[in-house]
Full PDB file with SEQRES, HELIX, SHEET, SSBOND, CRYST1, ORIGX, SCALE, CONECT and MASTER records, all heavy atoms in Angstrom:
SEQRES   1 A   38  ARG VAL LEU ALA ASP ALA GLY ALA GLU TRP ILE PRO PHE          
SEQRES   2 A   38  ASP THR THR THR LEU PHE GLN SER PRO PRO THR SER ASP          
SEQRES   3 A   38  ALA GLU ARG ASP ALA TRP THR LYS LYS PRO ARG VAL              
HELIX    1 AA1 VAL A    2  ASP A    5  1                                   4    
HELIX    2 AA2 LEU A   18  GLN A   20  5                                   3    
HELIX    3 AA3 ASP A   26  LYS A   34  1                                   9    
CRYST1    1.000    1.000    1.000  90.00  90.00  90.00 P 1           1          
ORIGX1      1.000000  0.000000  0.000000        0.00000                         
ORIGX2      0.000000  1.000000  0.000000        0.00000                         
ORIGX3      0.000000  0.000000  1.000000        0.00000                         
SCALE1      1.000000  0.000000  0.000000        0.00000                         
SCALE2      0.000000  1.000000  0.000000        0.00000                         
SCALE3      0.000000  0.000000  1.000000        0.00000                         
ATOM      1  N   ARG A   1     -14.676  -6.788 -12.696  1.00  0.00           N  
ATOM      2  CA  ARG A   1     -15.491  -7.712 -13.375  1.00  0.00           C  
ATOM      3  C   ARG A   1     -14.538  -8.905 -13.715  1.00  0.00           C  
ATOM      4  O   ARG A   1     -14.996 -10.110 -13.590  1.00  0.00           O  
ATOM      5  CB  ARG A   1     -16.042  -7.114 -14.675  1.00  0.00           C  
ATOM      6  CG  ARG A   1     -17.066  -8.046 -15.331  1.00  0.00           C  
ATOM      7  CD  ARG A   1     -17.829  -7.335 -16.502  1.00  0.00           C  
ATOM      8  NE  ARG A   1     -17.984  -5.906 -16.368  1.00  0.00           N  
ATOM      9  CZ  ARG A   1     -17.533  -5.006 -17.263  1.00  0.00           C  
ATOM     10  NH1 ARG A   1     -16.955  -5.419 -18.332  1.00  0.00           N  
ATOM     11  NH2 ARG A   1     -17.725  -3.753 -17.110  1.00  0.00           N  
ATOM     12  N   VAL A   2     -13.378  -8.653 -14.223  1.00  0.00           N  
ATOM     13  CA  VAL A   2     -12.442  -9.803 -14.586  1.00  0.00           C  
ATOM     14  C   VAL A   2     -12.167 -10.667 -13.259  1.00  0.00           C  
ATOM     15  O   VAL A   2     -12.232 -11.874 -13.386  1.00  0.00           O  
ATOM     16  CB  VAL A   2     -11.163  -9.209 -15.086  1.00  0.00           C  
ATOM     17  CG1 VAL A   2     -10.042 -10.235 -15.215  1.00  0.00           C  
ATOM     18  CG2 VAL A   2     -11.393  -8.563 -16.511  1.00  0.00           C  
ATOM     19  N   LEU A   3     -11.853  -9.988 -12.216  1.00  0.00           N  
ATOM     20  CA  LEU A   3     -11.558 -10.738 -10.895  1.00  0.00           C  
ATOM     21  C   LEU A   3     -12.764 -11.467 -10.533  1.00  0.00           C  
ATOM     22  O   LEU A   3     -12.695 -12.646 -10.173  1.00  0.00           O  
ATOM     23  CB  LEU A   3     -11.085  -9.728  -9.877  1.00  0.00           C  
ATOM     24  CG  LEU A   3      -9.728  -9.129 -10.159  1.00  0.00           C  
ATOM     25  CD1 LEU A   3      -9.430  -8.025  -9.060  1.00  0.00           C  
ATOM     26  CD2 LEU A   3      -8.615 -10.120 -10.146  1.00  0.00           C  
ATOM     27  N   ALA A   4     -13.969 -10.867 -10.509  1.00  0.00           N  
ATOM     28  CA  ALA A   4     -15.186 -11.541 -10.070  1.00  0.00           C  
ATOM     29  C   ALA A   4     -15.541 -12.709 -10.925  1.00  0.00           C  
ATOM     30  O   ALA A   4     -15.888 -13.802 -10.364  1.00  0.00           O  
ATOM     31  CB  ALA A   4     -16.332 -10.501  -9.984  1.00  0.00           C  
ATOM     32  N   ASP A   5     -15.309 -12.567 -12.262  1.00  0.00           N  
ATOM     33  CA  ASP A   5     -15.593 -13.671 -13.149  1.00  0.00           C  
ATOM     34  C   ASP A   5     -14.749 -14.859 -12.825  1.00  0.00           C  
ATOM     35  O   ASP A   5     -15.082 -16.037 -13.080  1.00  0.00           O  
ATOM     36  CB  ASP A   5     -15.461 -13.259 -14.656  1.00  0.00           C  
ATOM     37  CG  ASP A   5     -16.554 -12.312 -15.062  1.00  0.00           C  
ATOM     38  OD1 ASP A   5     -17.547 -12.223 -14.348  1.00  0.00           O  
ATOM     39  OD2 ASP A   5     -16.450 -11.759 -16.157  1.00  0.00           O  
ATOM     40  N   ALA A   6     -13.530 -14.593 -12.365  1.00  0.00           N  
ATOM     41  CA  ALA A   6     -12.586 -15.649 -12.039  1.00  0.00           C  
ATOM     42  C   ALA A   6     -12.707 -16.081 -10.581  1.00  0.00           C  
ATOM     43  O   ALA A   6     -11.961 -16.999 -10.166  1.00  0.00           O  
ATOM     44  CB  ALA A   6     -11.128 -15.159 -12.294  1.00  0.00           C  
ATOM     45  N   GLY A   7     -13.559 -15.527  -9.846  1.00  0.00           N  
ATOM     46  CA  GLY A   7     -13.720 -15.842  -8.396  1.00  0.00           C  
ATOM     47  C   GLY A   7     -12.480 -15.355  -7.554  1.00  0.00           C  
ATOM     48  O   GLY A   7     -12.193 -15.848  -6.535  1.00  0.00           O  
ATOM     49  N   ALA A   8     -11.848 -14.372  -8.093  1.00  0.00           N  
ATOM     50  CA  ALA A   8     -10.521 -13.931  -7.477  1.00  0.00           C  
ATOM     51  C   ALA A   8     -10.867 -12.592  -6.638  1.00  0.00           C  
ATOM     52  O   ALA A   8     -11.749 -11.810  -7.012  1.00  0.00           O  
ATOM     53  CB  ALA A   8      -9.486 -13.564  -8.549  1.00  0.00           C  
ATOM     54  N   GLU A   9     -10.117 -12.402  -5.595  1.00  0.00           N  
ATOM     55  CA  GLU A   9     -10.249 -11.285  -4.732  1.00  0.00           C  
ATOM     56  C   GLU A   9      -9.252 -10.223  -5.131  1.00  0.00           C  
ATOM     57  O   GLU A   9      -8.159 -10.511  -5.515  1.00  0.00           O  
ATOM     58  CB  GLU A   9     -10.111 -11.664  -3.276  1.00  0.00           C  
ATOM     59  CG  GLU A   9     -10.351 -10.620  -2.241  1.00  0.00           C  
ATOM     60  CD  GLU A   9     -11.798 -10.081  -2.387  1.00  0.00           C  
ATOM     61  OE1 GLU A   9     -12.712 -10.742  -1.952  1.00  0.00           O  
ATOM     62  OE2 GLU A   9     -11.925  -8.897  -2.763  1.00  0.00           O  
ATOM     63  N   TRP A  10      -9.617  -8.948  -4.887  1.00  0.00           N  
ATOM     64  CA  TRP A  10      -8.676  -7.747  -5.023  1.00  0.00           C  
ATOM     65  C   TRP A  10      -8.173  -7.486  -3.647  1.00  0.00           C  
ATOM     66  O   TRP A  10      -8.956  -7.177  -2.829  1.00  0.00           O  
ATOM     67  CB  TRP A  10      -9.499  -6.592  -5.663  1.00  0.00           C  
ATOM     68  CG  TRP A  10      -8.773  -5.281  -5.775  1.00  0.00           C  
ATOM     69  CD1 TRP A  10      -7.771  -4.803  -4.974  1.00  0.00           C  
ATOM     70  CD2 TRP A  10      -9.080  -4.286  -6.776  1.00  0.00           C  
ATOM     71  NE1 TRP A  10      -7.410  -3.610  -5.463  1.00  0.00           N  
ATOM     72  CE2 TRP A  10      -8.124  -3.224  -6.552  1.00  0.00           C  
ATOM     73  CE3 TRP A  10      -9.981  -4.238  -7.735  1.00  0.00           C  
ATOM     74  CZ2 TRP A  10      -8.159  -2.127  -7.326  1.00  0.00           C  
ATOM     75  CZ3 TRP A  10      -9.938  -3.076  -8.533  1.00  0.00           C  
ATOM     76  CH2 TRP A  10      -9.085  -2.020  -8.356  1.00  0.00           C  
ATOM     77  N   ILE A  11      -6.906  -7.666  -3.493  1.00  0.00           N  
ATOM     78  CA  ILE A  11      -6.333  -7.438  -2.146  1.00  0.00           C  
ATOM     79  C   ILE A  11      -5.974  -5.912  -2.014  1.00  0.00           C  
ATOM     80  O   ILE A  11      -5.045  -5.434  -2.752  1.00  0.00           O  
ATOM     81  CB  ILE A  11      -4.981  -8.251  -1.938  1.00  0.00           C  
ATOM     82  CG1 ILE A  11      -5.297  -9.707  -2.131  1.00  0.00           C  
ATOM     83  CG2 ILE A  11      -4.401  -7.943  -0.548  1.00  0.00           C  
ATOM     84  CD1 ILE A  11      -4.010 -10.520  -2.066  1.00  0.00           C  
ATOM     85  N   PRO A  12      -6.621  -5.203  -1.183  1.00  0.00           N  
ATOM     86  CA  PRO A  12      -6.208  -3.842  -0.879  1.00  0.00           C  
ATOM     87  C   PRO A  12      -4.909  -3.827  -0.068  1.00  0.00           C  
ATOM     88  O   PRO A  12      -4.782  -4.593   0.837  1.00  0.00           O  
ATOM     89  CB  PRO A  12      -7.335  -3.259  -0.132  1.00  0.00           C  
ATOM     90  CG  PRO A  12      -8.112  -4.310   0.434  1.00  0.00           C  
ATOM     91  CD  PRO A  12      -7.835  -5.553  -0.382  1.00  0.00           C  
ATOM     92  N   PHE A  13      -3.973  -2.943  -0.490  1.00  0.00           N  
ATOM     93  CA  PHE A  13      -2.776  -2.703   0.322  1.00  0.00           C  
ATOM     94  C   PHE A  13      -2.923  -1.327   0.916  1.00  0.00           C  
ATOM     95  O   PHE A  13      -2.604  -0.302   0.183  1.00  0.00           O  
ATOM     96  CB  PHE A  13      -1.537  -2.884  -0.560  1.00  0.00           C  
ATOM     97  CG  PHE A  13      -0.270  -2.869   0.219  1.00  0.00           C  
ATOM     98  CD1 PHE A  13      -0.189  -2.913   1.581  1.00  0.00           C  
ATOM     99  CD2 PHE A  13       1.009  -2.863  -0.504  1.00  0.00           C  
ATOM    100  CE1 PHE A  13       1.023  -2.899   2.309  1.00  0.00           C  
ATOM    101  CE2 PHE A  13       2.209  -2.859   0.176  1.00  0.00           C  
ATOM    102  CZ  PHE A  13       2.162  -2.847   1.502  1.00  0.00           C  
ATOM    103  N   ASP A  14      -3.359  -1.204   2.092  1.00  0.00           N  
ATOM    104  CA  ASP A  14      -3.647   0.140   2.660  1.00  0.00           C  
ATOM    105  C   ASP A  14      -2.436   0.706   3.249  1.00  0.00           C  
ATOM    106  O   ASP A  14      -1.965   0.309   4.365  1.00  0.00           O  
ATOM    107  CB  ASP A  14      -4.763  -0.024   3.713  1.00  0.00           C  
ATOM    108  CG  ASP A  14      -5.168   1.269   4.327  1.00  0.00           C  
ATOM    109  OD1 ASP A  14      -4.557   2.362   3.982  1.00  0.00           O  
ATOM    110  OD2 ASP A  14      -6.053   1.314   5.169  1.00  0.00           O  
ATOM    111  N   THR A  15      -1.841   1.730   2.559  1.00  0.00           N  
ATOM    112  CA  THR A  15      -0.668   2.404   3.005  1.00  0.00           C  
ATOM    113  C   THR A  15      -0.996   3.908   3.421  1.00  0.00           C  
ATOM    114  O   THR A  15      -0.076   4.674   3.549  1.00  0.00           O  
ATOM    115  CB  THR A  15       0.404   2.369   1.909  1.00  0.00           C  
ATOM    116  OG1 THR A  15      -0.080   3.038   0.764  1.00  0.00           O  
ATOM    117  CG2 THR A  15       0.914   0.989   1.555  1.00  0.00           C  
ATOM    118  N   THR A  16      -2.271   4.201   3.549  1.00  0.00           N  
ATOM    119  CA  THR A  16      -2.650   5.547   3.836  1.00  0.00           C  
ATOM    120  C   THR A  16      -2.050   6.089   5.105  1.00  0.00           C  
ATOM    121  O   THR A  16      -1.720   7.304   5.227  1.00  0.00           O  
ATOM    122  CB  THR A  16      -4.217   5.738   3.792  1.00  0.00           C  
ATOM    123  OG1 THR A  16      -4.783   4.843   4.765  1.00  0.00           O  
ATOM    124  CG2 THR A  16      -4.712   5.437   2.348  1.00  0.00           C  
ATOM    125  N   THR A  17      -2.005   5.197   6.128  1.00  0.00           N  
ATOM    126  CA  THR A  17      -1.423   5.736   7.381  1.00  0.00           C  
ATOM    127  C   THR A  17       0.048   6.023   7.284  1.00  0.00           C  
ATOM    128  O   THR A  17       0.567   7.003   7.795  1.00  0.00           O  
ATOM    129  CB  THR A  17      -1.703   4.663   8.534  1.00  0.00           C  
ATOM    130  OG1 THR A  17      -3.096   4.545   8.702  1.00  0.00           O  
ATOM    131  CG2 THR A  17      -1.052   5.051   9.880  1.00  0.00           C  
ATOM    132  N   LEU A  18       0.766   5.156   6.605  1.00  0.00           N  
ATOM    133  CA  LEU A  18       2.164   5.381   6.316  1.00  0.00           C  
ATOM    134  C   LEU A  18       2.441   6.739   5.698  1.00  0.00           C  
ATOM    135  O   LEU A  18       3.319   7.422   6.063  1.00  0.00           O  
ATOM    136  CB  LEU A  18       2.753   4.283   5.494  1.00  0.00           C  
ATOM    137  CG  LEU A  18       4.288   4.455   5.137  1.00  0.00           C  
ATOM    138  CD1 LEU A  18       5.131   4.280   6.321  1.00  0.00           C  
ATOM    139  CD2 LEU A  18       4.567   3.481   4.012  1.00  0.00           C  
ATOM    140  N   PHE A  19       1.628   7.071   4.676  1.00  0.00           N  
ATOM    141  CA  PHE A  19       1.902   8.289   3.922  1.00  0.00           C  
ATOM    142  C   PHE A  19       1.146   9.549   4.454  1.00  0.00           C  
ATOM    143  O   PHE A  19       1.188  10.573   3.774  1.00  0.00           O  
ATOM    144  CB  PHE A  19       1.441   8.054   2.413  1.00  0.00           C  
ATOM    145  CG  PHE A  19       2.395   7.115   1.755  1.00  0.00           C  
ATOM    146  CD1 PHE A  19       1.945   5.897   1.329  1.00  0.00           C  
ATOM    147  CD2 PHE A  19       3.774   7.401   1.577  1.00  0.00           C  
ATOM    148  CE1 PHE A  19       2.835   5.008   0.666  1.00  0.00           C  
ATOM    149  CE2 PHE A  19       4.569   6.492   0.977  1.00  0.00           C  
ATOM    150  CZ  PHE A  19       4.138   5.342   0.535  1.00  0.00           C  
ATOM    151  N   GLN A  20       0.566   9.452   5.650  1.00  0.00           N  
ATOM    152  CA  GLN A  20      -0.155  10.659   6.237  1.00  0.00           C  
ATOM    153  C   GLN A  20       0.845  11.717   6.590  1.00  0.00           C  
ATOM    154  O   GLN A  20       0.458  12.894   6.568  1.00  0.00           O  
ATOM    155  CB  GLN A  20      -0.915  10.280   7.445  1.00  0.00           C  
ATOM    156  CG  GLN A  20      -2.307   9.697   7.075  1.00  0.00           C  
ATOM    157  CD  GLN A  20      -3.084   9.312   8.407  1.00  0.00           C  
ATOM    158  OE1 GLN A  20      -2.520   9.147   9.486  1.00  0.00           O  
ATOM    159  NE2 GLN A  20      -4.358   9.254   8.240  1.00  0.00           N  
ATOM    160  N   SER A  21       2.029  11.399   7.023  1.00  0.00           N  
ATOM    161  CA  SER A  21       2.995  12.420   7.381  1.00  0.00           C  
ATOM    162  C   SER A  21       4.375  11.864   7.149  1.00  0.00           C  
ATOM    163  O   SER A  21       4.599  10.633   6.950  1.00  0.00           O  
ATOM    164  CB  SER A  21       2.852  12.761   8.897  1.00  0.00           C  
ATOM    165  OG  SER A  21       3.020  11.555   9.678  1.00  0.00           O  
ATOM    166  N   PRO A  22       5.372  12.722   7.006  1.00  0.00           N  
ATOM    167  CA  PRO A  22       6.748  12.266   6.669  1.00  0.00           C  
ATOM    168  C   PRO A  22       7.275  11.180   7.591  1.00  0.00           C  
ATOM    169  O   PRO A  22       6.867  11.176   8.719  1.00  0.00           O  
ATOM    170  CB  PRO A  22       7.592  13.576   6.803  1.00  0.00           C  
ATOM    171  CG  PRO A  22       6.573  14.653   6.684  1.00  0.00           C  
ATOM    172  CD  PRO A  22       5.336  14.182   7.273  1.00  0.00           C  
ATOM    173  N   PRO A  23       8.131  10.353   7.084  1.00  0.00           N  
ATOM    174  CA  PRO A  23       8.713   9.254   7.912  1.00  0.00           C  
ATOM    175  C   PRO A  23       9.545   9.830   9.127  1.00  0.00           C  
ATOM    176  O   PRO A  23      10.114  10.865   9.037  1.00  0.00           O  
ATOM    177  CB  PRO A  23       9.622   8.543   6.881  1.00  0.00           C  
ATOM    178  CG  PRO A  23       9.851   9.420   5.724  1.00  0.00           C  
ATOM    179  CD  PRO A  23       8.734  10.448   5.823  1.00  0.00           C  
ATOM    180  N   THR A  24       9.561   8.940  10.128  1.00  0.00           N  
ATOM    181  CA  THR A  24      10.253   9.359  11.359  1.00  0.00           C  
ATOM    182  C   THR A  24      11.395   8.415  11.698  1.00  0.00           C  
ATOM    183  O   THR A  24      11.980   8.529  12.786  1.00  0.00           O  
ATOM    184  CB  THR A  24       9.183   9.430  12.531  1.00  0.00           C  
ATOM    185  OG1 THR A  24       8.659   8.148  12.711  1.00  0.00           O  
ATOM    186  CG2 THR A  24       8.216  10.521  12.304  1.00  0.00           C  
ATOM    187  N   SER A  25      11.673   7.393  10.879  1.00  0.00           N  
ATOM    188  CA  SER A  25      12.723   6.412  11.163  1.00  0.00           C  
ATOM    189  C   SER A  25      13.275   5.852   9.811  1.00  0.00           C  
ATOM    190  O   SER A  25      12.696   6.123   8.754  1.00  0.00           O  
ATOM    191  CB  SER A  25      12.175   5.233  11.955  1.00  0.00           C  
ATOM    192  OG  SER A  25      11.290   4.509  11.062  1.00  0.00           O  
ATOM    193  N   ASP A  26      14.380   5.235   9.885  1.00  0.00           N  
ATOM    194  CA  ASP A  26      14.917   4.600   8.726  1.00  0.00           C  
ATOM    195  C   ASP A  26      14.015   3.583   8.093  1.00  0.00           C  
ATOM    196  O   ASP A  26      13.847   3.609   6.808  1.00  0.00           O  
ATOM    197  CB  ASP A  26      16.309   3.942   9.017  1.00  0.00           C  
ATOM    198  CG  ASP A  26      17.424   4.919   9.353  1.00  0.00           C  
ATOM    199  OD1 ASP A  26      17.312   6.177   8.888  1.00  0.00           O  
ATOM    200  OD2 ASP A  26      18.414   4.538   9.892  1.00  0.00           O  
ATOM    201  N   ALA A  27      13.327   2.823   8.908  1.00  0.00           N  
ATOM    202  CA  ALA A  27      12.405   1.801   8.368  1.00  0.00           C  
ATOM    203  C   ALA A  27      11.250   2.515   7.665  1.00  0.00           C  
ATOM    204  O   ALA A  27      10.801   2.003   6.569  1.00  0.00           O  
ATOM    205  CB  ALA A  27      11.860   0.883   9.487  1.00  0.00           C  
ATOM    206  N   GLU A  28      10.723   3.525   8.204  1.00  0.00           N  
ATOM    207  CA  GLU A  28       9.609   4.246   7.551  1.00  0.00           C  
ATOM    208  C   GLU A  28      10.098   4.913   6.242  1.00  0.00           C  
ATOM    209  O   GLU A  28       9.408   4.924   5.287  1.00  0.00           O  
ATOM    210  CB  GLU A  28       8.992   5.279   8.466  1.00  0.00           C  
ATOM    211  CG  GLU A  28       8.144   4.746   9.579  1.00  0.00           C  
ATOM    212  CD  GLU A  28       7.409   5.749  10.431  1.00  0.00           C  
ATOM    213  OE1 GLU A  28       7.712   6.988  10.256  1.00  0.00           O  
ATOM    214  OE2 GLU A  28       6.685   5.346  11.268  1.00  0.00           O  
ATOM    215  N   ARG A  29      11.362   5.512   6.259  1.00  0.00           N  
ATOM    216  CA  ARG A  29      11.931   6.114   5.026  1.00  0.00           C  
ATOM    217  C   ARG A  29      12.037   5.009   3.926  1.00  0.00           C  
ATOM    218  O   ARG A  29      11.700   5.225   2.763  1.00  0.00           O  
ATOM    219  CB  ARG A  29      13.294   6.765   5.361  1.00  0.00           C  
ATOM    220  CG  ARG A  29      13.091   8.164   5.792  1.00  0.00           C  
ATOM    221  CD  ARG A  29      14.496   8.892   5.981  1.00  0.00           C  
ATOM    222  NE  ARG A  29      15.129   8.485   7.177  1.00  0.00           N  
ATOM    223  CZ  ARG A  29      14.840   8.897   8.400  1.00  0.00           C  
ATOM    224  NH1 ARG A  29      13.779   9.660   8.628  1.00  0.00           N  
ATOM    225  NH2 ARG A  29      15.472   8.510   9.503  1.00  0.00           N  
ATOM    226  N   ASP A  30      12.469   3.871   4.333  1.00  0.00           N  
ATOM    227  CA  ASP A  30      12.640   2.773   3.354  1.00  0.00           C  
ATOM    228  C   ASP A  30      11.310   2.370   2.781  1.00  0.00           C  
ATOM    229  O   ASP A  30      11.154   2.156   1.635  1.00  0.00           O  
ATOM    230  CB  ASP A  30      13.345   1.584   4.072  1.00  0.00           C  
ATOM    231  CG  ASP A  30      13.646   0.434   3.058  1.00  0.00           C  
ATOM    232  OD1 ASP A  30      14.264   0.715   2.046  1.00  0.00           O  
ATOM    233  OD2 ASP A  30      13.200  -0.707   3.347  1.00  0.00           O  
ATOM    234  N   ALA A  31      10.284   2.223   3.673  1.00  0.00           N  
ATOM    235  CA  ALA A  31       8.950   1.906   3.238  1.00  0.00           C  
ATOM    236  C   ALA A  31       8.390   2.903   2.251  1.00  0.00           C  
ATOM    237  O   ALA A  31       7.669   2.618   1.281  1.00  0.00           O  
ATOM    238  CB  ALA A  31       7.999   1.761   4.462  1.00  0.00           C  
ATOM    239  N   TRP A  32       8.697   4.240   2.532  1.00  0.00           N  
ATOM    240  CA  TRP A  32       8.188   5.271   1.662  1.00  0.00           C  
ATOM    241  C   TRP A  32       8.684   5.064   0.276  1.00  0.00           C  
ATOM    242  O   TRP A  32       8.057   5.551  -0.713  1.00  0.00           O  
ATOM    243  CB  TRP A  32       8.671   6.663   2.201  1.00  0.00           C  
ATOM    244  CG  TRP A  32       7.638   7.362   3.019  1.00  0.00           C  
ATOM    245  CD1 TRP A  32       6.982   6.834   4.100  1.00  0.00           C  
ATOM    246  CD2 TRP A  32       7.144   8.677   2.858  1.00  0.00           C  
ATOM    247  NE1 TRP A  32       6.066   7.763   4.606  1.00  0.00           N  
ATOM    248  CE2 TRP A  32       6.197   8.942   3.858  1.00  0.00           C  
ATOM    249  CE3 TRP A  32       7.478   9.704   1.991  1.00  0.00           C  
ATOM    250  CZ2 TRP A  32       5.561  10.093   3.954  1.00  0.00           C  
ATOM    251  CZ3 TRP A  32       6.811  10.936   2.046  1.00  0.00           C  
ATOM    252  CH2 TRP A  32       5.836  11.144   3.082  1.00  0.00           C  
ATOM    253  N   THR A  33       9.939   4.545   0.103  1.00  0.00           N  
ATOM    254  CA  THR A  33      10.465   4.333  -1.297  1.00  0.00           C  
ATOM    255  C   THR A  33      10.014   3.152  -1.964  1.00  0.00           C  
ATOM    256  O   THR A  33      10.110   3.057  -3.162  1.00  0.00           O  
ATOM    257  CB  THR A  33      11.998   4.338  -1.248  1.00  0.00           C  
ATOM    258  OG1 THR A  33      12.440   3.186  -0.511  1.00  0.00           O  
ATOM    259  CG2 THR A  33      12.585   5.597  -0.562  1.00  0.00           C  
ATOM    260  N   LYS A  34       9.417   2.171  -1.210  1.00  0.00           N  
ATOM    261  CA  LYS A  34       9.138   0.858  -1.745  1.00  0.00           C  
ATOM    262  C   LYS A  34       7.650   0.524  -1.867  1.00  0.00           C  
ATOM    263  O   LYS A  34       7.222  -0.336  -2.650  1.00  0.00           O  
ATOM    264  CB  LYS A  34       9.816  -0.274  -0.885  1.00  0.00           C  
ATOM    265  CG  LYS A  34      11.279  -0.155  -1.029  1.00  0.00           C  
ATOM    266  CD  LYS A  34      11.896  -1.208  -0.155  1.00  0.00           C  
ATOM    267  CE  LYS A  34      13.465  -1.151  -0.361  1.00  0.00           C  
ATOM    268  NZ  LYS A  34      14.169  -2.117   0.558  1.00  0.00           N  
ATOM    269  N   LYS A  35       6.806   1.220  -1.018  1.00  0.00           N  
ATOM    270  CA  LYS A  35       5.370   0.808  -0.912  1.00  0.00           C  
ATOM    271  C   LYS A  35       4.558   1.668  -1.860  1.00  0.00           C  
ATOM    272  O   LYS A  35       4.813   2.827  -2.050  1.00  0.00           O  
ATOM    273  CB  LYS A  35       4.892   0.912   0.532  1.00  0.00           C  
ATOM    274  CG  LYS A  35       5.675   0.153   1.542  1.00  0.00           C  
ATOM    275  CD  LYS A  35       5.798  -1.387   1.167  1.00  0.00           C  
ATOM    276  CE  LYS A  35       6.607  -2.138   2.119  1.00  0.00           C  
ATOM    277  NZ  LYS A  35       6.818  -3.469   1.694  1.00  0.00           N  
ATOM    278  N   PRO A  36       3.446   1.121  -2.275  1.00  0.00           N  
ATOM    279  CA  PRO A  36       2.625   1.902  -3.213  1.00  0.00           C  
ATOM    280  C   PRO A  36       1.816   2.974  -2.486  1.00  0.00           C  
ATOM    281  O   PRO A  36       1.368   2.725  -1.426  1.00  0.00           O  
ATOM    282  CB  PRO A  36       1.628   0.802  -3.838  1.00  0.00           C  
ATOM    283  CG  PRO A  36       1.558  -0.199  -2.798  1.00  0.00           C  
ATOM    284  CD  PRO A  36       2.906  -0.200  -2.111  1.00  0.00           C  
ATOM    285  N   ARG A  37       1.655   4.118  -3.127  1.00  0.00           N  
ATOM    286  CA  ARG A  37       0.844   5.168  -2.622  1.00  0.00           C  
ATOM    287  C   ARG A  37      -0.459   5.168  -3.444  1.00  0.00           C  
ATOM    288  O   ARG A  37      -0.596   5.763  -4.404  1.00  0.00           O  
ATOM    289  CB  ARG A  37       1.587   6.480  -2.767  1.00  0.00           C  
ATOM    290  CG  ARG A  37       1.035   7.610  -1.945  1.00  0.00           C  
ATOM    291  CD  ARG A  37       1.814   8.872  -2.162  1.00  0.00           C  
ATOM    292  NE  ARG A  37       3.192   8.814  -1.676  1.00  0.00           N  
ATOM    293  CZ  ARG A  37       3.683   9.641  -0.809  1.00  0.00           C  
ATOM    294  NH1 ARG A  37       3.032  10.650  -0.388  1.00  0.00           N  
ATOM    295  NH2 ARG A  37       4.941   9.478  -0.364  1.00  0.00           N  
ATOM    296  N   VAL A  38      -1.405   4.366  -2.922  1.00  0.00           N  
ATOM    297  CA  VAL A  38      -2.699   4.257  -3.534  1.00  0.00           C  
ATOM    298  C   VAL A  38      -3.807   4.569  -2.558  1.00  0.00           C  
ATOM    299  O   VAL A  38      -3.639   4.382  -1.306  1.00  0.00           O  
ATOM    300  CB  VAL A  38      -2.865   2.839  -4.165  1.00  0.00           C  
ATOM    301  CG1 VAL A  38      -1.911   2.627  -5.299  1.00  0.00           C  
ATOM    302  CG2 VAL A  38      -2.721   1.780  -3.139  1.00  0.00           C  
TER     303      VAL A  38                                                      
MASTER        0    0    0    3    0    0    0    6  302    1    0    3          
END                                                                             
């Protein structure tokens, strides 16, 4: 409601694919520590 009243958009940050299974690289391990799990 607050965002809509201001004409602002809620940006989804979809990390569900990243967190489906354990990381397989250094880059994925780093992303696991920094990205939101929502």
